[in-house]
Amino acid sequence: MWRQLQTPFFTVLFIFLFLYVFSKLFGPIPFAVNSITTTKSDVFTVNGVGEVQAVPDTATFTVGVTQTAPTVEAAKDQITASTNKIITELKKLGVKETDIKTTNYNVYPNQDYTEGRNAITGYTATQQLEVTIDNVDLANKALDSATSNGANQISGVSFTIDDEEREKLEDQARRKAIADAKKKANSIADAAGVKLGRIINVWEDDSPQPGPYLQTKDAVGRGAADQPETDLQPGENTVRISISLSYETL
């Protein structure tokens, strides 16, 4: 019996002794274990849109004065006098000094190129003011005041919503967009026979939204006597948010 077990015993003993000596001389024997990770890649993505309307509470417009005179000094003096008068009258209406900003000031020569000559015939000076008013009803009076006090350029009027109010409206629109996306996802998944899992990604389209731009009535170049009162209608601004939701599919 012992002779039958002798050979396997010494064989196993030899293997253990060999492993012991090898580990002492060369360190532990490395064992590699292959691991396989599976990731579920099926994703269902849907888009939702939320919109909220509100009446603008801020008006911005640009008015300018252009004058021509024989000399640079005379041209500058003329636009300075007109601009100062415009600013003074706007302040009397209640427009804050910090909401009146010069955006352009330019003086250039008028040149005559007739008969092959290059002669300076005078100088033209231009100054433009950007005016912001946090009372839309006051915008009409402010434009009338500017034109009646020397403004002969009007670039237009834009109506916007102040930042604090816009944040509130964006939050409302965002909630509507998410609700719209969820409703759409459930409807499509039900029709297609797809079972939805958890939401794994949310994206918001942060592209800038163009604001409304309204041109003023033709009030430039006429006297105050025949100039009707400006009547600008701000209407409504739409705050729009687009949301994309991605679901796992089960």
C-alpha atoms as a PDB file:
ATOM      1  CA  MET A   1       0.000   0.000   0.000  1.00  0.00           C
ATOM      2  CA  TRP A   2       2.783   2.402   0.959  1.00  0.00           C
ATOM      3  CA  ARG A   3       4.634   1.622  -2.245  1.00  0.00           C
ATOM      4  CA  GLN A   4       1.520   2.500  -4.269  1.00  0.00           C
ATOM      5  CA  LEU A   5       1.207   5.892  -2.551  1.00  0.00           C
ATOM      6  CA  GLN A   6       4.940   6.533  -2.443  1.00  0.00           C
ATOM      7  CA  THR A   7       5.277   7.848  -5.984  1.00  0.00           C
ATOM      8  CA  PRO A   8       2.295  10.341  -5.907  1.00  0.00           C
ATOM      9  CA  PHE A   9       3.344  11.536  -2.419  1.00  0.00           C
ATOM     10  CA  PHE A  10       6.885  12.363  -3.418  1.00  0.00           C
ATOM     11  CA  THR A  11       5.663  13.943  -6.644  1.00  0.00           C
ATOM     12  CA  VAL A  12       3.353  16.347  -4.770  1.00  0.00           C
ATOM     13  CA  LEU A  13       6.056  17.007  -2.168  1.00  0.00           C
ATOM     14  CA  PHE A  14       8.554  17.787  -4.901  1.00  0.00           C
ATOM     15  CA  ILE A  15       6.147  20.252  -6.536  1.00  0.00           C
ATOM     16  CA  PHE A  16       5.557  22.112  -3.253  1.00  0.00           C
ATOM     17  CA  LEU A  17       9.308  22.180  -2.507  1.00  0.00           C
ATOM     18  CA  PHE A  18       9.971  23.510  -6.009  1.00  0.00           C
ATOM     19  CA  LEU A  19       7.368  26.248  -5.618  1.00  0.00           C
ATOM     20  CA  TYR A  20       8.754  27.177  -2.195  1.00  0.00           C
ATOM     21  CA  VAL A  21      12.328  27.438  -3.430  1.00  0.00           C
ATOM     22  CA  PHE A  22      11.215  29.368  -6.588  1.00  0.00           C
ATOM     23  CA  SER A  23       9.250  31.903  -4.562  1.00  0.00           C
ATOM     24  CA  LYS A  24      12.194  32.438  -2.232  1.00  0.00           C
ATOM     25  CA  LEU A  25      14.594  33.023  -5.099  1.00  0.00           C
ATOM     26  CA  PHE A  26      12.411  34.918  -7.598  1.00  0.00           C
ATOM     27  CA  GLY A  27       9.466  36.242  -5.598  1.00  0.00           C
ATOM     28  CA  PRO A  28       5.784  35.266  -5.706  1.00  0.00           C
ATOM     29  CA  ILE A  29       4.516  33.621  -8.857  1.00  0.00           C
ATOM     30  CA  PRO A  30       2.190  36.009 -10.763  1.00  0.00           C
ATOM     31  CA  PHE A  31      -1.275  34.813 -11.582  1.00  0.00           C
ATOM     32  CA  ALA A  32      -3.290  36.639 -14.266  1.00  0.00           C
ATOM     33  CA  VAL A  33      -7.054  36.752 -14.008  1.00  0.00           C
ATOM     34  CA  ASN A  34      -8.975  37.989 -17.031  1.00  0.00           C
ATOM     35  CA  SER A  35     -11.976  40.188 -16.192  1.00  0.00           C
ATOM     36  CA  ILE A  36     -14.762  41.015 -18.590  1.00  0.00           C
ATOM     37  CA  THR A  37     -16.919  44.124 -18.088  1.00  0.00           C
ATOM     38  CA  THR A  38     -20.163  44.465 -19.961  1.00  0.00           C
ATOM     39  CA  THR A  39     -21.807  47.874 -20.491  1.00  0.00           C
ATOM     40  CA  LYS A  40     -25.328  48.316 -21.645  1.00  0.00           C
ATOM     41  CA  SER A  41     -25.106  50.761 -24.543  1.00  0.00           C
ATOM     42  CA  ASP A  42     -28.771  51.067 -25.473  1.00  0.00           C
ATOM     43  CA  VAL A  43     -29.791  54.687 -24.837  1.00  0.00           C
ATOM     44  CA  PHE A  44     -33.067  56.417 -25.621  1.00  0.00           C
ATOM     45  CA  THR A  45     -32.854  60.221 -26.051  1.00  0.00           C
ATOM     46  CA  VAL A  46     -35.735  62.640 -26.395  1.00  0.00           C
ATOM     47  CA  ASN A  47     -36.047  66.438 -26.565  1.00  0.00           C
ATOM     48  CA  GLY A  48     -38.530  68.681 -24.761  1.00  0.00           C
ATOM     49  CA  VAL A  49     -39.313  72.391 -25.063  1.00  0.00           C
ATOM     50  CA  GLY A  50     -40.736  74.810 -22.507  1.00  0.00           C
ATOM     51  CA  GLU A  51     -41.881  78.367 -23.202  1.00  0.00           C
ATOM     52  CA  VAL A  52     -42.987  81.230 -20.963  1.00  0.00           C
ATOM     53  CA  GLN A  53     -44.247  84.622 -22.154  1.00  0.00           C
ATOM     54  CA  ALA A  54     -43.740  87.899 -20.291  1.00  0.00           C
ATOM     55  CA  VAL A  55     -44.077  91.610 -20.973  1.00  0.00           C
ATOM     56  CA  PRO A  56     -40.614  93.277 -21.200  1.00  0.00           C
ATOM     57  CA  ASP A  57     -39.698  95.660 -18.411  1.00  0.00           C
ATOM     58  CA  THR A  58     -36.575  97.296 -19.876  1.00  0.00           C
ATOM     59  CA  ALA A  59     -36.105  99.376 -23.029  1.00  0.00           C
ATOM     60  CA  THR A  60     -32.816 100.193 -24.737  1.00  0.00           C
ATOM     61  CA  PHE A  61     -32.317 102.553 -27.661  1.00  0.00           C
ATOM     62  CA  THR A  62     -29.532 104.509 -29.346  1.00  0.00           C
ATOM     63  CA  VAL A  63     -29.812 108.165 -30.349  1.00  0.00           C
ATOM     64  CA  GLY A  64     -27.202 110.191 -32.141  1.00  0.00           C
ATOM     65  CA  VAL A  65     -26.340 113.732 -33.155  1.00  0.00           C
ATOM     66  CA  THR A  66     -24.563 114.602 -36.397  1.00  0.00           C
ATOM     67  CA  GLN A  67     -23.487 118.163 -37.180  1.00  0.00           C
ATOM     68  CA  THR A  68     -21.414 119.725 -39.965  1.00  0.00           C
ATOM     69  CA  ALA A  69     -19.327 122.895 -39.515  1.00  0.00           C
ATOM     70  CA  PRO A  70     -16.459 124.693 -41.247  1.00  0.00           C
ATOM     71  CA  THR A  71     -13.915 123.697 -38.564  1.00  0.00           C
ATOM     72  CA  VAL A  72     -13.286 120.728 -36.308  1.00  0.00           C
ATOM     73  CA  GLU A  73     -13.791 122.861 -33.192  1.00  0.00           C
ATOM     74  CA  ALA A  74     -17.139 124.211 -34.416  1.00  0.00           C
ATOM     75  CA  ALA A  75     -18.412 120.717 -35.292  1.00  0.00           C
ATOM     76  CA  LYS A  76     -17.356 119.375 -31.903  1.00  0.00           C
ATOM     77  CA  ASP A  77     -18.923 122.324 -30.073  1.00  0.00           C
ATOM     78  CA  GLN A  78     -22.243 121.826 -31.880  1.00  0.00           C
ATOM     79  CA  ILE A  79     -22.605 118.106 -31.087  1.00  0.00           C
ATOM     80  CA  THR A  80     -21.401 118.656 -27.522  1.00  0.00           C
ATOM     81  CA  ALA A  81     -24.080 121.286 -26.955  1.00  0.00           C
ATOM     82  CA  SER A  82     -26.805 119.104 -28.484  1.00  0.00           C
ATOM     83  CA  THR A  83     -25.710 115.966 -26.648  1.00  0.00           C
ATOM     84  CA  ASN A  84     -25.496 117.730 -23.296  1.00  0.00           C
ATOM     85  CA  LYS A  85     -28.996 119.105 -23.788  1.00  0.00           C
ATOM     86  CA  ILE A  86     -30.332 115.617 -24.631  1.00  0.00           C
ATOM     87  CA  ILE A  87     -28.695 114.128 -21.527  1.00  0.00           C
ATOM     88  CA  THR A  88     -30.011 116.909 -19.294  1.00  0.00           C
ATOM     89  CA  GLU A  89     -33.590 116.443 -20.487  1.00  0.00           C
ATOM     90  CA  LEU A  90     -33.384 112.642 -20.159  1.00  0.00           C
ATOM     91  CA  LYS A  91     -32.276 113.028 -16.561  1.00  0.00           C
ATOM     92  CA  LYS A  92     -35.228 115.338 -15.912  1.00  0.00           C
ATOM     93  CA  LEU A  93     -37.519 112.525 -17.094  1.00  0.00           C
ATOM     94  CA  GLY A  94     -35.976 110.179 -14.545  1.00  0.00           C
ATOM     95  CA  VAL A  95     -33.354 108.365 -16.603  1.00  0.00           C
ATOM     96  CA  LYS A  96     -30.327 107.492 -14.463  1.00  0.00           C
ATOM     97  CA  GLU A  97     -26.966 108.960 -15.429  1.00  0.00           C
ATOM     98  CA  THR A  98     -25.435 105.468 -15.254  1.00  0.00           C
ATOM     99  CA  ASP A  99     -27.949 104.301 -17.884  1.00  0.00           C
ATOM    100  CA  ILE A 100     -26.709 106.822 -20.479  1.00  0.00           C
ATOM    101  CA  LYS A 101     -23.531 105.753 -22.244  1.00  0.00           C
ATOM    102  CA  THR A 102     -21.585 107.189 -25.175  1.00  0.00           C
ATOM    103  CA  THR A 103     -21.040 104.406 -27.719  1.00  0.00           C
ATOM    104  CA  ASN A 104     -19.583 106.371 -30.633  1.00  0.00           C
ATOM    105  CA  TYR A 105     -17.767 109.676 -31.130  1.00  0.00           C
ATOM    106  CA  ASN A 106     -16.393 110.536 -34.556  1.00  0.00           C
ATOM    107  CA  VAL A 107     -15.084 113.624 -36.371  1.00  0.00           C
ATOM    108  CA  TYR A 108     -14.027 113.464 -40.022  1.00  0.00           C
ATOM    109  CA  PRO A 109     -13.340 115.934 -42.859  1.00  0.00           C
ATOM    110  CA  ASN A 110     -15.693 116.463 -45.794  1.00  0.00           C
ATOM    111  CA  GLN A 111     -13.645 116.390 -48.982  1.00  0.00           C
ATOM    112  CA  ASP A 112     -14.422 117.699 -52.460  1.00  0.00           C
ATOM    113  CA  TYR A 113     -12.884 115.632 -55.254  1.00  0.00           C
ATOM    114  CA  THR A 114     -14.398 117.554 -58.190  1.00  0.00           C
ATOM    115  CA  GLU A 115     -12.225 118.849 -61.031  1.00  0.00           C
ATOM    116  CA  GLY A 116      -9.301 116.711 -59.920  1.00  0.00           C
ATOM    117  CA  ARG A 117      -8.743 118.497 -56.664  1.00  0.00           C
ATOM    118  CA  ASN A 118      -8.939 117.303 -53.093  1.00  0.00           C
ATOM    119  CA  ALA A 119     -10.266 120.123 -50.939  1.00  0.00           C
ATOM    120  CA  ILE A 120     -11.670 119.973 -47.406  1.00  0.00           C
ATOM    121  CA  THR A 121     -15.026 121.746 -47.331  1.00  0.00           C
ATOM    122  CA  GLY A 122     -15.829 121.263 -43.666  1.00  0.00           C
ATOM    123  CA  TYR A 123     -16.026 118.722 -40.869  1.00  0.00           C
ATOM    124  CA  THR A 124     -18.748 116.358 -39.683  1.00  0.00           C
ATOM    125  CA  ALA A 125     -18.968 115.263 -36.055  1.00  0.00           C
ATOM    126  CA  THR A 126     -21.128 112.449 -34.706  1.00  0.00           C
ATOM    127  CA  GLN A 127     -21.877 111.300 -31.179  1.00  0.00           C
ATOM    128  CA  GLN A 128     -24.176 108.410 -30.227  1.00  0.00           C
ATOM    129  CA  LEU A 129     -25.720 107.586 -26.877  1.00  0.00           C
ATOM    130  CA  GLU A 130     -27.075 104.244 -25.704  1.00  0.00           C
ATOM    131  CA  VAL A 131     -29.934 104.763 -23.272  1.00  0.00           C
ATOM    132  CA  THR A 132     -31.372 102.059 -21.013  1.00  0.00           C
ATOM    133  CA  ILE A 133     -34.683 102.656 -19.259  1.00  0.00           C
ATOM    134  CA  ASP A 134     -36.164 100.306 -16.665  1.00  0.00           C
ATOM    135  CA  ASN A 135     -39.638 101.679 -17.321  1.00  0.00           C
ATOM    136  CA  VAL A 136     -41.028 100.766 -20.731  1.00  0.00           C
ATOM    137  CA  ASP A 137     -43.743 103.434 -20.537  1.00  0.00           C
ATOM    138  CA  LEU A 138     -41.020 106.072 -20.193  1.00  0.00           C
ATOM    139  CA  ALA A 139     -39.266 104.989 -23.408  1.00  0.00           C
ATOM    140  CA  ASN A 140     -41.743 106.815 -25.643  1.00  0.00           C
ATOM    141  CA  LYS A 141     -41.285 110.099 -23.775  1.00  0.00           C
ATOM    142  CA  ALA A 142     -37.502 109.672 -23.723  1.00  0.00           C
ATOM    143  CA  LEU A 143     -37.338 109.200 -27.502  1.00  0.00           C
ATOM    144  CA  ASP A 144     -39.547 112.225 -28.102  1.00  0.00           C
ATOM    145  CA  SER A 145     -37.385 114.270 -25.741  1.00  0.00           C
ATOM    146  CA  ALA A 146     -34.166 113.230 -27.501  1.00  0.00           C
ATOM    147  CA  THR A 147     -35.413 114.039 -31.001  1.00  0.00           C
ATOM    148  CA  SER A 148     -36.891 117.361 -29.947  1.00  0.00           C
ATOM    149  CA  ASN A 149     -33.584 118.368 -28.376  1.00  0.00           C
ATOM    150  CA  GLY A 150     -31.312 117.725 -31.314  1.00  0.00           C
ATOM    151  CA  ALA A 151     -31.045 113.972 -31.921  1.00  0.00           C
ATOM    152  CA  ASN A 152     -31.153 113.287 -35.662  1.00  0.00           C
ATOM    153  CA  GLN A 153     -30.226 109.592 -35.569  1.00  0.00           C
ATOM    154  CA  ILE A 154     -32.247 106.751 -34.055  1.00  0.00           C
ATOM    155  CA  SER A 155     -31.013 103.201 -34.554  1.00  0.00           C
ATOM    156  CA  GLY A 156     -34.041 101.453 -33.064  1.00  0.00           C
ATOM    157  CA  VAL A 157     -35.444 100.118 -29.831  1.00  0.00           C
ATOM    158  CA  SER A 158     -35.101  96.742 -28.139  1.00  0.00           C
ATOM    159  CA  PHE A 159     -37.263  95.527 -25.263  1.00  0.00           C
ATOM    160  CA  THR A 160     -35.836  93.041 -22.794  1.00  0.00           C
ATOM    161  CA  ILE A 161     -36.479  91.477 -19.400  1.00  0.00           C
ATOM    162  CA  ASP A 162     -34.125  92.259 -16.521  1.00  0.00           C
ATOM    163  CA  ASP A 163     -31.765  89.507 -15.360  1.00  0.00           C
ATOM    164  CA  GLU A 164     -33.510  88.678 -12.082  1.00  0.00           C
ATOM    165  CA  GLU A 165     -36.915  88.265 -13.697  1.00  0.00           C
ATOM    166  CA  ARG A 166     -35.420  86.345 -16.643  1.00  0.00           C
ATOM    167  CA  GLU A 167     -33.890  83.797 -14.255  1.00  0.00           C
ATOM    168  CA  LYS A 168     -37.318  83.143 -12.754  1.00  0.00           C
ATOM    169  CA  LEU A 169     -38.882  82.767 -16.196  1.00  0.00           C
ATOM    170  CA  GLU A 170     -36.086  80.468 -17.353  1.00  0.00           C
ATOM    171  CA  ASP A 171     -36.659  78.237 -14.330  1.00  0.00           C
ATOM    172  CA  GLN A 172     -40.363  77.997 -15.205  1.00  0.00           C
ATOM    173  CA  ALA A 173     -39.558  77.249 -18.856  1.00  0.00           C
ATOM    174  CA  ARG A 174     -36.959  74.648 -17.817  1.00  0.00           C
ATOM    175  CA  ARG A 175     -39.481  72.764 -15.686  1.00  0.00           C
ATOM    176  CA  LYS A 176     -41.943  72.797 -18.574  1.00  0.00           C
ATOM    177  CA  ALA A 177     -39.258  71.506 -20.940  1.00  0.00           C
ATOM    178  CA  ILE A 178     -38.365  68.596 -18.640  1.00  0.00           C
ATOM    179  CA  ALA A 179     -42.037  67.697 -18.183  1.00  0.00           C
ATOM    180  CA  ASP A 180     -42.519  67.859 -21.955  1.00  0.00           C
ATOM    181  CA  ALA A 181     -39.493  65.605 -22.558  1.00  0.00           C
ATOM    182  CA  LYS A 182     -40.678  63.026 -19.995  1.00  0.00           C
ATOM    183  CA  LYS A 183     -44.186  62.972 -21.450  1.00  0.00           C
ATOM    184  CA  LYS A 184     -42.823  62.559 -24.966  1.00  0.00           C
ATOM    185  CA  ALA A 185     -40.413  59.804 -23.846  1.00  0.00           C
ATOM    186  CA  ASN A 186     -43.181  57.775 -22.203  1.00  0.00           C
ATOM    187  CA  SER A 187     -45.462  58.192 -25.220  1.00  0.00           C
ATOM    188  CA  ILE A 188     -42.826  57.133 -27.760  1.00  0.00           C
ATOM    189  CA  ALA A 189     -41.542  54.264 -25.622  1.00  0.00           C
ATOM    190  CA  ASP A 190     -45.089  52.953 -25.108  1.00  0.00           C
ATOM    191  CA  ALA A 191     -45.831  53.098 -28.823  1.00  0.00           C
ATOM    192  CA  ALA A 192     -42.529  51.431 -29.728  1.00  0.00           C
ATOM    193  CA  GLY A 193     -42.713  48.782 -27.025  1.00  0.00           C
ATOM    194  CA  VAL A 194     -39.547  50.001 -25.320  1.00  0.00           C
ATOM    195  CA  LYS A 195     -39.147  49.832 -21.545  1.00  0.00           C
ATOM    196  CA  LEU A 196     -37.356  52.834 -20.090  1.00  0.00           C
ATOM    197  CA  GLY A 197     -34.934  52.773 -17.176  1.00  0.00           C
ATOM    198  CA  ARG A 198     -33.409  55.641 -15.254  1.00  0.00           C
ATOM    199  CA  ILE A 199     -32.386  59.007 -16.716  1.00  0.00           C
ATOM    200  CA  ILE A 200     -28.618  58.953 -17.258  1.00  0.00           C
ATOM    201  CA  ASN A 201     -27.994  62.320 -18.952  1.00  0.00           C
ATOM    202  CA  VAL A 202     -29.601  65.758 -19.154  1.00  0.00           C
ATOM    203  CA  TRP A 203     -28.618  68.476 -21.659  1.00  0.00           C
ATOM    204  CA  GLU A 204     -29.841  72.044 -21.947  1.00  0.00           C
ATOM    205  CA  ASP A 205     -29.486  73.981 -25.161  1.00  0.00           C
ATOM    206  CA  ASP A 206     -27.811  77.234 -24.077  1.00  0.00           C
ATOM    207  CA  SER A 207     -27.832  78.927 -27.476  1.00  0.00           C
ATOM    208  CA  PRO A 208     -28.520  82.662 -27.119  1.00  0.00           C
ATOM    209  CA  GLN A 209     -32.084  83.717 -27.764  1.00  0.00           C
ATOM    210  CA  PRO A 210     -32.504  86.672 -30.114  1.00  0.00           C
ATOM    211  CA  GLY A 211     -34.349  89.565 -28.574  1.00  0.00           C
ATOM    212  CA  PRO A 212     -37.058  91.598 -30.292  1.00  0.00           C
ATOM    213  CA  TYR A 213     -36.041  94.661 -32.258  1.00  0.00           C
ATOM    214  CA  LEU A 214     -38.523  97.379 -33.101  1.00  0.00           C
ATOM    215  CA  GLN A 215     -37.908 100.331 -35.390  1.00  0.00           C
ATOM    216  CA  THR A 216     -39.150 103.681 -34.233  1.00  0.00           C
ATOM    217  CA  LYS A 217     -41.601 105.735 -36.225  1.00  0.00           C
ATOM    218  CA  ASP A 218     -40.240 108.216 -38.756  1.00  0.00           C
ATOM    219  CA  ALA A 219     -39.514 111.039 -36.359  1.00  0.00           C
ATOM    220  CA  VAL A 220     -36.047 112.090 -37.469  1.00  0.00           C
ATOM    221  CA  GLY A 221     -35.586 115.327 -39.366  1.00  0.00           C
ATOM    222  CA  ARG A 222     -38.921 116.911 -38.438  1.00  0.00           C
ATOM    223  CA  GLY A 223     -39.632 119.773 -36.106  1.00  0.00           C
ATOM    224  CA  ALA A 224     -41.248 119.296 -32.733  1.00  0.00           C
ATOM    225  CA  ALA A 225     -44.426 121.005 -33.915  1.00  0.00           C
ATOM    226  CA  ASP A 226     -45.265 118.404 -36.575  1.00  0.00           C
ATOM    227  CA  GLN A 227     -43.805 115.440 -34.702  1.00  0.00           C
ATOM    228  CA  PRO A 228     -46.481 113.119 -33.282  1.00  0.00           C
ATOM    229  CA  GLU A 229     -45.846 111.373 -30.007  1.00  0.00           C
ATOM    230  CA  THR A 230     -43.887 108.143 -30.316  1.00  0.00           C
ATOM    231  CA  ASP A 231     -45.974 105.079 -29.579  1.00  0.00           C
ATOM    232  CA  LEU A 232     -43.848 101.938 -29.228  1.00  0.00           C
ATOM    233  CA  GLN A 233     -45.508  98.653 -28.269  1.00  0.00           C
ATOM    234  CA  PRO A 234     -43.196  96.235 -26.404  1.00  0.00           C
ATOM    235  CA  GLY A 235     -45.547  93.275 -26.840  1.00  0.00           C
ATOM    236  CA  GLU A 236     -44.371  90.050 -25.183  1.00  0.00           C
ATOM    237  CA  ASN A 237     -41.014  88.306 -25.009  1.00  0.00           C
ATOM    238  CA  THR A 238     -40.832  84.517 -25.112  1.00  0.00           C
ATOM    239  CA  VAL A 239     -38.335  82.704 -22.894  1.00  0.00           C
ATOM    240  CA  ARG A 240     -37.654  79.314 -24.492  1.00  0.00           C
ATOM    241  CA  ILE A 241     -35.684  76.417 -23.000  1.00  0.00           C
ATOM    242  CA  SER A 242     -34.827  73.173 -24.803  1.00  0.00           C
ATOM    243  CA  ILE A 243     -33.932  70.082 -22.747  1.00  0.00           C
ATOM    244  CA  SER A 244     -32.708  66.640 -23.887  1.00  0.00           C
ATOM    245  CA  LEU A 245     -33.098  63.598 -21.636  1.00  0.00           C
ATOM    246  CA  SER A 246     -31.316  60.282 -22.155  1.00  0.00           C
ATOM    247  CA  TYR A 247     -32.786  57.100 -20.641  1.00  0.00           C
ATOM    248  CA  GLU A 248     -31.404  53.619 -20.205  1.00  0.00           C
ATOM    249  CA  THR A 249     -33.489  51.013 -21.978  1.00  0.00           C
ATOM    250  CA  LEU A 250     -34.308  47.802 -20.157  1.00  0.00           C
END
